[in-house]
Amino acid sequence: LVLAVATSIDALAVGVTFAFLQVRIVPAVSFIGVTTFILSIIG
């Protein structure tokens, strides 16, 4: 939990920018989550 929160604080700020950029949020956060999941296993 500590590591997951620490490594995702920057994603919170990016989410704020998504609101300003009018991003379709559900596909965007799903894509980010899946990408991170895959890259974490590779890591």
PDB file of all heavy atoms in Angstrom:
ATOM      1  N   LEU A   1       0.834  -1.215   0.000  1.00  0.00           N
ATOM      2  CA  LEU A   1       0.000   0.000   0.000  1.00  0.00           C
ATOM      3  C   LEU A   1       0.859   1.251   0.000  1.00  0.00           C
ATOM      4  O   LEU A   1       0.589   2.194  -0.752  1.00  0.00           O
ATOM      5  CB  LEU A   1      -0.949   0.006   1.204  1.00  0.00           C
ATOM      6  CG  LEU A   1      -2.230  -0.785   1.062  1.00  0.00           C
ATOM      7  CD1 LEU A   1      -3.013  -0.782   2.366  1.00  0.00           C
ATOM      8  CD2 LEU A   1      -3.084  -0.252  -0.065  1.00  0.00           C
ATOM      9  N   VAL A   2       1.882   1.266   0.832  1.00  0.00           N
ATOM     10  CA  VAL A   2       2.766   2.431   0.901  1.00  0.00           C
ATOM     11  C   VAL A   2       3.447   2.657  -0.452  1.00  0.00           C
ATOM     12  O   VAL A   2       3.477   3.777  -0.963  1.00  0.00           O
ATOM     13  CB  VAL A   2       3.819   2.254   2.027  1.00  0.00           C
ATOM     14  CG1 VAL A   2       4.907   3.308   1.934  1.00  0.00           C
ATOM     15  CG2 VAL A   2       3.149   2.283   3.389  1.00  0.00           C
ATOM     16  N   LEU A   3       3.965   1.595  -1.045  1.00  0.00           N
ATOM     17  CA  LEU A   3       4.638   1.724  -2.335  1.00  0.00           C
ATOM     18  C   LEU A   3       3.663   2.121  -3.448  1.00  0.00           C
ATOM     19  O   LEU A   3       3.978   2.952  -4.300  1.00  0.00           O
ATOM     20  CB  LEU A   3       5.339   0.417  -2.710  1.00  0.00           C
ATOM     21  CG  LEU A   3       6.564   0.064  -1.890  1.00  0.00           C
ATOM     22  CD1 LEU A   3       7.062  -1.340  -2.240  1.00  0.00           C
ATOM     23  CD2 LEU A   3       7.671   1.083  -2.101  1.00  0.00           C
ATOM     24  N   ALA A   4       2.467   1.532  -3.438  1.00  0.00           N
ATOM     25  CA  ALA A   4       1.486   1.833  -4.482  1.00  0.00           C
ATOM     26  C   ALA A   4       1.034   3.291  -4.410  1.00  0.00           C
ATOM     27  O   ALA A   4       0.912   3.957  -5.439  1.00  0.00           O
ATOM     28  CB  ALA A   4       0.283   0.895  -4.364  1.00  0.00           C
ATOM     29  N   VAL A   5       0.813   3.794  -3.202  1.00  0.00           N
ATOM     30  CA  VAL A   5       0.429   5.199  -3.064  1.00  0.00           C
ATOM     31  C   VAL A   5       1.594   6.098  -3.471  1.00  0.00           C
ATOM     32  O   VAL A   5       1.414   7.064  -4.226  1.00  0.00           O
ATOM     33  CB  VAL A   5      -0.038   5.508  -1.619  1.00  0.00           C
ATOM     34  CG1 VAL A   5      -0.194   7.005  -1.399  1.00  0.00           C
ATOM     35  CG2 VAL A   5      -1.352   4.798  -1.326  1.00  0.00           C
ATOM     36  N   ALA A   6       2.788   5.775  -3.000  1.00  0.00           N
ATOM     37  CA  ALA A   6       3.957   6.611  -3.300  1.00  0.00           C
ATOM     38  C   ALA A   6       4.235   6.688  -4.797  1.00  0.00           C
ATOM     39  O   ALA A   6       4.594   7.748  -5.306  1.00  0.00           O
ATOM     40  CB  ALA A   6       5.189   6.081  -2.570  1.00  0.00           C
ATOM     41  N   THR A   7       4.049   5.581  -5.517  1.00  0.00           N
ATOM     42  CA  THR A   7       4.349   5.585  -6.946  1.00  0.00           C
ATOM     43  C   THR A   7       3.194   6.125  -7.782  1.00  0.00           C
ATOM     44  O   THR A   7       3.363   6.332  -8.986  1.00  0.00           O
ATOM     45  CB  THR A   7       4.714   4.172  -7.452  1.00  0.00           C
ATOM     46  OG1 THR A   7       3.629   3.286  -7.195  1.00  0.00           O
ATOM     47  CG2 THR A   7       5.988   3.667  -6.798  1.00  0.00           C
ATOM     48  N   SER A   8       2.040   6.372  -7.168  1.00  0.00           N
ATOM     49  CA  SER A   8       0.894   6.825  -7.964  1.00  0.00           C
ATOM     50  C   SER A   8       0.436   8.242  -7.639  1.00  0.00           C
ATOM     51  O   SER A   8      -0.546   8.704  -8.208  1.00  0.00           O
ATOM     52  CB  SER A   8      -0.274   5.849  -7.794  1.00  0.00           C
ATOM     53  OG  SER A   8      -0.725   5.825  -6.461  1.00  0.00           O
ATOM     54  N   ILE A   9       1.126   8.939  -6.773  1.00  0.00           N
ATOM     55  CA  ILE A   9       0.758  10.326  -6.465  1.00  0.00           C
ATOM     56  C   ILE A   9       0.795  11.178  -7.728  1.00  0.00           C
ATOM     57  O   ILE A   9      -0.080  12.010  -7.959  1.00  0.00           O
ATOM     58  CB  ILE A   9       1.692  10.915  -5.376  1.00  0.00           C
ATOM     59  CG1 ILE A   9       1.457  10.212  -4.039  1.00  0.00           C
ATOM     60  CG2 ILE A   9       1.515  12.407  -5.244  1.00  0.00           C
ATOM     61  CD1 ILE A   9       0.080  10.397  -3.442  1.00  0.00           C
ATOM     62  N   ASP A  10       1.792  10.959  -8.574  1.00  0.00           N
ATOM     63  CA  ASP A  10       1.865  11.723  -9.820  1.00  0.00           C
ATOM     64  C   ASP A  10       0.657  11.445 -10.717  1.00  0.00           C
ATOM     65  O   ASP A  10       0.198  12.326 -11.445  1.00  0.00           O
ATOM     66  CB  ASP A  10       3.175  11.461 -10.555  1.00  0.00           C
ATOM     67  CG  ASP A  10       3.488   9.987 -10.758  1.00  0.00           C
ATOM     68  OD1 ASP A  10       2.746   9.126 -10.251  1.00  0.00           O
ATOM     69  OD2 ASP A  10       4.496   9.688 -11.421  1.00  0.00           O
ATOM     70  N   ALA A  11       0.104  10.251 -10.648  1.00  0.00           N
ATOM     71  CA  ALA A  11      -1.075   9.914 -11.449  1.00  0.00           C
ATOM     72  C   ALA A  11      -2.295  10.717 -10.996  1.00  0.00           C
ATOM     73  O   ALA A  11      -3.168  11.031 -11.812  1.00  0.00           O
ATOM     74  CB  ALA A  11      -1.359   8.418 -11.367  1.00  0.00           C
ATOM     75  N   LEU A  12      -2.355  11.083  -9.716  1.00  0.00           N
ATOM     76  CA  LEU A  12      -3.432  11.932  -9.217  1.00  0.00           C
ATOM     77  C   LEU A  12      -3.397  13.287  -9.922  1.00  0.00           C
ATOM     78  O   LEU A  12      -4.424  13.781 -10.399  1.00  0.00           O
ATOM     79  CB  LEU A  12      -3.299  12.113  -7.695  1.00  0.00           C
ATOM     80  CG  LEU A  12      -4.335  12.979  -7.016  1.00  0.00           C
ATOM     81  CD1 LEU A  12      -5.670  12.262  -6.948  1.00  0.00           C
ATOM     82  CD2 LEU A  12      -3.860  13.336  -5.612  1.00  0.00           C
ATOM     83  N   ALA A  13      -2.213  13.860 -10.024  1.00  0.00           N
ATOM     84  CA  ALA A  13      -2.070  15.160 -10.692  1.00  0.00           C
ATOM     85  C   ALA A  13      -2.394  15.049 -12.177  1.00  0.00           C
ATOM     86  O   ALA A  13      -3.023  15.947 -12.754  1.00  0.00           O
ATOM     87  CB  ALA A  13      -0.658  15.698 -10.493  1.00  0.00           C
ATOM     88  N   VAL A  14      -2.001  13.955 -12.805  1.00  0.00           N
ATOM     89  CA  VAL A  14      -2.330  13.759 -14.216  1.00  0.00           C
ATOM     90  C   VAL A  14      -3.840  13.655 -14.388  1.00  0.00           C
ATOM     91  O   VAL A  14      -4.399  14.163 -15.360  1.00  0.00           O
ATOM     92  CB  VAL A  14      -1.595  12.525 -14.786  1.00  0.00           C
ATOM     93  CG1 VAL A  14      -2.131  12.143 -16.151  1.00  0.00           C
ATOM     94  CG2 VAL A  14      -0.101  12.810 -14.864  1.00  0.00           C
ATOM     95  N   GLY A  15      -4.523  13.028 -13.442  1.00  0.00           N
ATOM     96  CA  GLY A  15      -5.978  12.947 -13.497  1.00  0.00           C
ATOM     97  C   GLY A  15      -6.625  14.319 -13.484  1.00  0.00           C
ATOM     98  O   GLY A  15      -7.627  14.555 -14.169  1.00  0.00           O
ATOM     99  N   VAL A  16      -6.059  15.252 -12.726  1.00  0.00           N
ATOM    100  CA  VAL A  16      -6.561  16.625 -12.715  1.00  0.00           C
ATOM    101  C   VAL A  16      -6.409  17.226 -14.109  1.00  0.00           C
ATOM    102  O   VAL A  16      -7.324  17.869 -14.621  1.00  0.00           O
ATOM    103  CB  VAL A  16      -5.826  17.485 -11.652  1.00  0.00           C
ATOM    104  CG1 VAL A  16      -6.206  18.944 -11.768  1.00  0.00           C
ATOM    105  CG2 VAL A  16      -6.125  16.963 -10.255  1.00  0.00           C
ATOM    106  N   THR A  17      -5.273  16.990 -14.745  1.00  0.00           N
ATOM    107  CA  THR A  17      -5.079  17.526 -16.103  1.00  0.00           C
ATOM    108  C   THR A  17      -6.040  16.873 -17.090  1.00  0.00           C
ATOM    109  O   THR A  17      -6.486  17.518 -18.037  1.00  0.00           O
ATOM    110  CB  THR A  17      -3.627  17.365 -16.604  1.00  0.00           C
ATOM    111  OG1 THR A  17      -3.336  15.994 -16.789  1.00  0.00           O
ATOM    112  CG2 THR A  17      -2.644  17.994 -15.662  1.00  0.00           C
ATOM    113  N   PHE A  18      -6.388  15.605 -16.864  1.00  0.00           N
ATOM    114  CA  PHE A  18      -7.360  14.942 -17.737  1.00  0.00           C
ATOM    115  C   PHE A  18      -8.708  15.663 -17.711  1.00  0.00           C
ATOM    116  O   PHE A  18      -9.391  15.738 -18.726  1.00  0.00           O
ATOM    117  CB  PHE A  18      -7.559  13.488 -17.323  1.00  0.00           C
ATOM    118  CG  PHE A  18      -6.491  12.542 -17.779  1.00  0.00           C
ATOM    119  CD1 PHE A  18      -6.510  11.231 -17.352  1.00  0.00           C
ATOM    120  CD2 PHE A  18      -5.470  12.937 -18.627  1.00  0.00           C
ATOM    121  CE1 PHE A  18      -5.543  10.332 -17.765  1.00  0.00           C
ATOM    122  CE2 PHE A  18      -4.491  12.045 -19.044  1.00  0.00           C
ATOM    123  CZ  PHE A  18      -4.531  10.735 -18.606  1.00  0.00           C
ATOM    124  N   ALA A  19      -9.081  16.198 -16.561  1.00  0.00           N
ATOM    125  CA  ALA A  19     -10.348  16.924 -16.467  1.00  0.00           C
ATOM    126  C   ALA A  19     -10.320  18.157 -17.362  1.00  0.00           C
ATOM    127  O   ALA A  19     -11.315  18.485 -18.007  1.00  0.00           O
ATOM    128  CB  ALA A  19     -10.626  17.324 -15.021  1.00  0.00           C
ATOM    129  N   PHE A  20      -9.187  18.822 -17.429  1.00  0.00           N
ATOM    130  CA  PHE A  20      -9.074  20.031 -18.243  1.00  0.00           C
ATOM    131  C   PHE A  20      -8.983  19.705 -19.727  1.00  0.00           C
ATOM    132  O   PHE A  20      -9.375  20.492 -20.562  1.00  0.00           O
ATOM    133  CB  PHE A  20      -7.862  20.857 -17.819  1.00  0.00           C
ATOM    134  CG  PHE A  20      -7.874  21.216 -16.366  1.00  0.00           C
ATOM    135  CD1 PHE A  20      -6.740  21.062 -15.597  1.00  0.00           C
ATOM    136  CD2 PHE A  20      -9.019  21.686 -15.747  1.00  0.00           C
ATOM    137  CE1 PHE A  20      -6.744  21.392 -14.249  1.00  0.00           C
ATOM    138  CE2 PHE A  20      -9.042  22.003 -14.409  1.00  0.00           C
ATOM    139  CZ  PHE A  20      -7.903  21.857 -13.661  1.00  0.00           C
ATOM    140  N   LEU A  21      -8.438  18.544 -20.037  1.00  0.00           N
ATOM    141  CA  LEU A  21      -8.259  18.151 -21.428  1.00  0.00           C
ATOM    142  C   LEU A  21      -9.471  17.406 -21.989  1.00  0.00           C
ATOM    143  O   LEU A  21      -9.452  16.980 -23.136  1.00  0.00           O
ATOM    144  CB  LEU A  21      -7.006  17.280 -21.576  1.00  0.00           C
ATOM    145  CG  LEU A  21      -5.693  17.934 -21.167  1.00  0.00           C
ATOM    146  CD1 LEU A  21      -4.553  16.920 -21.211  1.00  0.00           C
ATOM    147  CD2 LEU A  21      -5.391  19.112 -22.069  1.00  0.00           C
ATOM    148  N   GLN A  22     -10.503  17.227 -21.167  1.00  0.00           N
ATOM    149  CA  GLN A  22     -11.741  16.557 -21.587  1.00  0.00           C
ATOM    150  C   GLN A  22     -11.465  15.135 -22.093  1.00  0.00           C
ATOM    151  O   GLN A  22     -11.958  14.736 -23.139  1.00  0.00           O
ATOM    152  CB  GLN A  22     -12.451  17.380 -22.654  1.00  0.00           C
ATOM    153  CG  GLN A  22     -12.545  18.846 -22.336  1.00  0.00           C
ATOM    154  CD  GLN A  22     -13.924  19.255 -21.893  1.00  0.00           C
ATOM    155  OE1 GLN A  22     -14.896  18.648 -22.263  1.00  0.00           O
ATOM    156  NE2 GLN A  22     -14.008  20.304 -21.108  1.00  0.00           N
ATOM    157  N   VAL A  23     -10.680  14.383 -21.360  1.00  0.00           N
ATOM    158  CA  VAL A  23     -10.345  13.007 -21.707  1.00  0.00           C
ATOM    159  C   VAL A  23     -11.500  12.092 -21.306  1.00  0.00           C
ATOM    160  O   VAL A  23     -12.136  12.309 -20.271  1.00  0.00           O
ATOM    161  CB  VAL A  23      -9.047  12.589 -20.974  1.00  0.00           C
ATOM    162  CG1 VAL A  23      -8.754  11.121 -21.119  1.00  0.00           C
ATOM    163  CG2 VAL A  23      -7.878  13.418 -21.464  1.00  0.00           C
ATOM    164  N   ARG A  24     -11.771  11.079 -22.113  1.00  0.00           N
ATOM    165  CA  ARG A  24     -12.747  10.052 -21.723  1.00  0.00           C
ATOM    166  C   ARG A  24     -12.093   9.232 -20.620  1.00  0.00           C
ATOM    167  O   ARG A  24     -11.208   8.413 -20.874  1.00  0.00           O
ATOM    168  CB  ARG A  24     -13.129   9.203 -22.923  1.00  0.00           C
ATOM    169  CG  ARG A  24     -13.952   9.986 -23.933  1.00  0.00           C
ATOM    170  CD  ARG A  24     -14.374   9.201 -25.143  1.00  0.00           C
ATOM    171  NE  ARG A  24     -14.675   7.808 -24.868  1.00  0.00           N
ATOM    172  CZ  ARG A  24     -14.314   6.805 -25.667  1.00  0.00           C
ATOM    173  NH1 ARG A  24     -13.643   7.037 -26.767  1.00  0.00           N
ATOM    174  NH2 ARG A  24     -14.633   5.560 -25.351  1.00  0.00           N
ATOM    175  N   ILE A  25     -12.521   9.434 -19.398  1.00  0.00           N
ATOM    176  CA  ILE A  25     -11.774   8.988 -18.230  1.00  0.00           C
ATOM    177  C   ILE A  25     -11.775   7.481 -18.009  1.00  0.00           C
ATOM    178  O   ILE A  25     -10.753   6.911 -17.649  1.00  0.00           O
ATOM    179  CB  ILE A  25     -12.230   9.755 -16.952  1.00  0.00           C
ATOM    180  CG1 ILE A  25     -11.221   9.548 -15.812  1.00  0.00           C
ATOM    181  CG2 ILE A  25     -13.629   9.345 -16.553  1.00  0.00           C
ATOM    182  CD1 ILE A  25      -9.865  10.112 -16.078  1.00  0.00           C
ATOM    183  N   VAL A  26     -12.896   6.808 -18.214  1.00  0.00           N
ATOM    184  CA  VAL A  26     -12.926   5.370 -17.934  1.00  0.00           C
ATOM    185  C   VAL A  26     -11.962   4.600 -18.830  1.00  0.00           C
ATOM    186  O   VAL A  26     -11.147   3.812 -18.326  1.00  0.00           O
ATOM    187  CB  VAL A  26     -14.367   4.811 -18.007  1.00  0.00           C
ATOM    188  CG1 VAL A  26     -14.375   3.293 -17.899  1.00  0.00           C
ATOM    189  CG2 VAL A  26     -15.229   5.422 -16.909  1.00  0.00           C
ATOM    190  N   PRO A  27     -11.983   4.808 -20.162  1.00  0.00           N
ATOM    191  CA  PRO A  27     -10.977   4.110 -20.973  1.00  0.00           C
ATOM    192  C   PRO A  27      -9.544   4.536 -20.628  1.00  0.00           C
ATOM    193  O   PRO A  27      -8.631   3.707 -20.639  1.00  0.00           O
ATOM    194  CB  PRO A  27     -11.317   4.506 -22.413  1.00  0.00           C
ATOM    195  CG  PRO A  27     -12.714   4.997 -22.381  1.00  0.00           C
ATOM    196  CD  PRO A  27     -12.941   5.527 -20.998  1.00  0.00           C
ATOM    197  N   ALA A  28      -9.363   5.811 -20.301  1.00  0.00           N
ATOM    198  CA  ALA A  28      -8.017   6.308 -19.989  1.00  0.00           C
ATOM    199  C   ALA A  28      -7.453   5.646 -18.739  1.00  0.00           C
ATOM    200  O   ALA A  28      -6.316   5.153 -18.749  1.00  0.00           O
ATOM    201  CB  ALA A  28      -8.032   7.825 -19.832  1.00  0.00           C
ATOM    202  N   VAL A  29      -8.225   5.633 -17.653  1.00  0.00           N
ATOM    203  CA  VAL A  29      -7.701   5.048 -16.409  1.00  0.00           C
ATOM    204  C   VAL A  29      -7.569   3.532 -16.527  1.00  0.00           C
ATOM    205  O   VAL A  29      -6.670   2.943 -15.931  1.00  0.00           O
ATOM    206  CB  VAL A  29      -8.529   5.451 -15.170  1.00  0.00           C
ATOM    207  CG1 VAL A  29      -8.485   6.946 -14.960  1.00  0.00           C
ATOM    208  CG2 VAL A  29      -9.940   4.943 -15.217  1.00  0.00           C
ATOM    209  N   SER A  30      -8.439   2.906 -17.302  1.00  0.00           N
ATOM    210  CA  SER A  30      -8.311   1.465 -17.539  1.00  0.00           C
ATOM    211  C   SER A  30      -7.019   1.172 -18.283  1.00  0.00           C
ATOM    212  O   SER A  30      -6.277   0.244 -17.931  1.00  0.00           O
ATOM    213  CB  SER A  30      -9.501   0.942 -18.344  1.00  0.00           C
ATOM    214  OG  SER A  30     -10.703   1.160 -17.646  1.00  0.00           O
ATOM    215  N   PHE A  31      -6.738   1.969 -19.299  1.00  0.00           N
ATOM    216  CA  PHE A  31      -5.523   1.806 -20.093  1.00  0.00           C
ATOM    217  C   PHE A  31      -4.285   2.008 -19.224  1.00  0.00           C
ATOM    218  O   PHE A  31      -3.329   1.223 -19.300  1.00  0.00           O
ATOM    219  CB  PHE A  31      -5.558   2.796 -21.257  1.00  0.00           C
ATOM    220  CG  PHE A  31      -4.560   2.522 -22.331  1.00  0.00           C
ATOM    221  CD1 PHE A  31      -4.715   1.457 -23.199  1.00  0.00           C
ATOM    222  CD2 PHE A  31      -3.457   3.345 -22.485  1.00  0.00           C
ATOM    223  CE1 PHE A  31      -3.793   1.205 -24.205  1.00  0.00           C
ATOM    224  CE2 PHE A  31      -2.530   3.101 -23.490  1.00  0.00           C
ATOM    225  CZ  PHE A  31      -2.694   2.031 -24.339  1.00  0.00           C
ATOM    226  N   ILE A  32      -4.305   3.036 -18.397  1.00  0.00           N
ATOM    227  CA  ILE A  32      -3.174   3.305 -17.493  1.00  0.00           C
ATOM    228  C   ILE A  32      -2.987   2.158 -16.508  1.00  0.00           C
ATOM    229  O   ILE A  32      -1.868   1.691 -16.275  1.00  0.00           O
ATOM    230  CB  ILE A  32      -3.365   4.650 -16.762  1.00  0.00           C
ATOM    231  CG1 ILE A  32      -3.227   5.807 -17.750  1.00  0.00           C
ATOM    232  CG2 ILE A  32      -2.373   4.797 -15.607  1.00  0.00           C
ATOM    233  CD1 ILE A  32      -3.668   7.153 -17.190  1.00  0.00           C
ATOM    234  N   GLY A  33      -4.074   1.688 -15.918  1.00  0.00           N
ATOM    235  CA  GLY A  33      -3.992   0.593 -14.952  1.00  0.00           C
ATOM    236  C   GLY A  33      -3.460  -0.690 -15.566  1.00  0.00           C
ATOM    237  O   GLY A  33      -2.587  -1.353 -14.997  1.00  0.00           O
ATOM    238  N   VAL A  34      -3.963  -1.049 -16.743  1.00  0.00           N
ATOM    239  CA  VAL A  34      -3.522  -2.278 -17.410  1.00  0.00           C
ATOM    240  C   VAL A  34      -2.061  -2.155 -17.846  1.00  0.00           C
ATOM    241  O   VAL A  34      -1.273  -3.096 -17.677  1.00  0.00           O
ATOM    242  CB  VAL A  34      -4.439  -2.612 -18.611  1.00  0.00           C
ATOM    243  CG1 VAL A  34      -3.856  -3.712 -19.477  1.00  0.00           C
ATOM    244  CG2 VAL A  34      -5.828  -3.014 -18.114  1.00  0.00           C
ATOM    245  N   THR A  35      -1.690  -0.997 -18.376  1.00  0.00           N
ATOM    246  CA  THR A  35      -0.301  -0.784 -18.787  1.00  0.00           C
ATOM    247  C   THR A  35       0.636  -0.927 -17.594  1.00  0.00           C
ATOM    248  O   THR A  35       1.671  -1.599 -17.674  1.00  0.00           O
ATOM    249  CB  THR A  35      -0.131   0.611 -19.430  1.00  0.00           C
ATOM    250  OG1 THR A  35      -0.984   0.694 -20.575  1.00  0.00           O
ATOM    251  CG2 THR A  35       1.312   0.875 -19.837  1.00  0.00           C
ATOM    252  N   THR A  36       0.265  -0.314 -16.471  1.00  0.00           N
ATOM    253  CA  THR A  36       1.101  -0.407 -15.271  1.00  0.00           C
ATOM    254  C   THR A  36       1.160  -1.835 -14.749  1.00  0.00           C
ATOM    255  O   THR A  36       2.222  -2.309 -14.337  1.00  0.00           O
ATOM    256  CB  THR A  36       0.582   0.545 -14.178  1.00  0.00           C
ATOM    257  OG1 THR A  36       0.539   1.873 -14.706  1.00  0.00           O
ATOM    258  CG2 THR A  36       1.474   0.509 -12.950  1.00  0.00           C
ATOM    259  N   PHE A  37       0.028  -2.532 -14.767  1.00  0.00           N
ATOM    260  CA  PHE A  37      -0.013  -3.934 -14.332  1.00  0.00           C
ATOM    261  C   PHE A  37       0.996  -4.758 -15.136  1.00  0.00           C
ATOM    262  O   PHE A  37       1.830  -5.474 -14.569  1.00  0.00           O
ATOM    263  CB  PHE A  37      -1.432  -4.479 -14.502  1.00  0.00           C
ATOM    264  CG  PHE A  37      -1.552  -5.959 -14.253  1.00  0.00           C
ATOM    265  CD1 PHE A  37      -1.602  -6.462 -12.959  1.00  0.00           C
ATOM    266  CD2 PHE A  37      -1.629  -6.843 -15.308  1.00  0.00           C
ATOM    267  CE1 PHE A  37      -1.707  -7.824 -12.726  1.00  0.00           C
ATOM    268  CE2 PHE A  37      -1.739  -8.212 -15.091  1.00  0.00           C
ATOM    269  CZ  PHE A  37      -1.778  -8.706 -13.802  1.00  0.00           C
ATOM    270  N   ILE A  38       0.931  -4.641 -16.461  1.00  0.00           N
ATOM    271  CA  ILE A  38       1.810  -5.422 -17.337  1.00  0.00           C
ATOM    272  C   ILE A  38       3.272  -5.036 -17.128  1.00  0.00           C
ATOM    273  O   ILE A  38       4.142  -5.903 -16.969  1.00  0.00           O
ATOM    274  CB  ILE A  38       1.398  -5.241 -18.814  1.00  0.00           C
ATOM    275  CG1 ILE A  38       0.037  -5.901 -19.058  1.00  0.00           C
ATOM    276  CG2 ILE A  38       2.466  -5.807 -19.758  1.00  0.00           C
ATOM    277  CD1 ILE A  38      -0.608  -5.537 -20.381  1.00  0.00           C
ATOM    278  N   LEU A  39       3.552  -3.721 -17.082  1.00  0.00           N
ATOM    279  CA  LEU A  39       4.940  -3.281 -16.908  1.00  0.00           C
ATOM    280  C   LEU A  39       5.486  -3.652 -15.534  1.00  0.00           C
ATOM    281  O   LEU A  39       6.689  -3.904 -15.385  1.00  0.00           O
ATOM    282  CB  LEU A  39       5.066  -1.784 -17.164  1.00  0.00           C
ATOM    283  CG  LEU A  39       4.949  -1.374 -18.627  1.00  0.00           C
ATOM    284  CD1 LEU A  39       4.973   0.145 -18.779  1.00  0.00           C
ATOM    285  CD2 LEU A  39       6.056  -2.005 -19.468  1.00  0.00           C
ATOM    286  N   SER A  40       4.630  -3.711 -14.525  1.00  0.00           N
ATOM    287  CA  SER A  40       5.087  -4.108 -13.192  1.00  0.00           C
ATOM    288  C   SER A  40       5.504  -5.572 -13.167  1.00  0.00           C
ATOM    289  O   SER A  40       6.531  -5.927 -12.564  1.00  0.00           O
ATOM    290  CB  SER A  40       3.990  -3.850 -12.159  1.00  0.00           C
ATOM    291  OG  SER A  40       3.728  -2.476 -12.050  1.00  0.00           O
ATOM    292  N   ILE A  41       4.719  -6.422 -13.817  1.00  0.00           N
ATOM    293  CA  ILE A  41       5.094  -7.836 -13.884  1.00  0.00           C
ATOM    294  C   ILE A  41       6.403  -7.989 -14.667  1.00  0.00           C
ATOM    295  O   ILE A  41       7.308  -8.727 -14.252  1.00  0.00           O
ATOM    296  CB  ILE A  41       3.960  -8.672 -14.512  1.00  0.00           C
ATOM    297  CG1 ILE A  41       2.777  -8.729 -13.529  1.00  0.00           C
ATOM    298  CG2 ILE A  41       4.439 -10.085 -14.851  1.00  0.00           C
ATOM    299  CD1 ILE A  41       1.537  -9.381 -14.076  1.00  0.00           C
ATOM    300  N   ILE A  42       6.525  -7.266 -15.769  1.00  0.00           N
ATOM    301  CA  ILE A  42       7.774  -7.294 -16.542  1.00  0.00           C
ATOM    302  C   ILE A  42       8.931  -6.783 -15.682  1.00  0.00           C
ATOM    303  O   ILE A  42      10.034  -7.336 -15.715  1.00  0.00           O
ATOM    304  CB  ILE A  42       7.631  -6.469 -17.836  1.00  0.00           C
ATOM    305  CG1 ILE A  42       6.665  -7.159 -18.798  1.00  0.00           C
ATOM    306  CG2 ILE A  42       8.991  -6.236 -18.498  1.00  0.00           C
ATOM    307  CD1 ILE A  42       6.256  -6.312 -19.997  1.00  0.00           C
ATOM    308  N   GLY A  43       8.678  -5.741 -14.874  1.00  0.00           N
ATOM    309  CA  GLY A  43       9.715  -5.198 -13.999  1.00  0.00           C
ATOM    310  C   GLY A  43      10.200  -6.211 -12.979  1.00  0.00           C
ATOM    311  O   GLY A  43      11.409  -6.319 -12.727  1.00  0.00           O
TER     312      GLY A  43
END
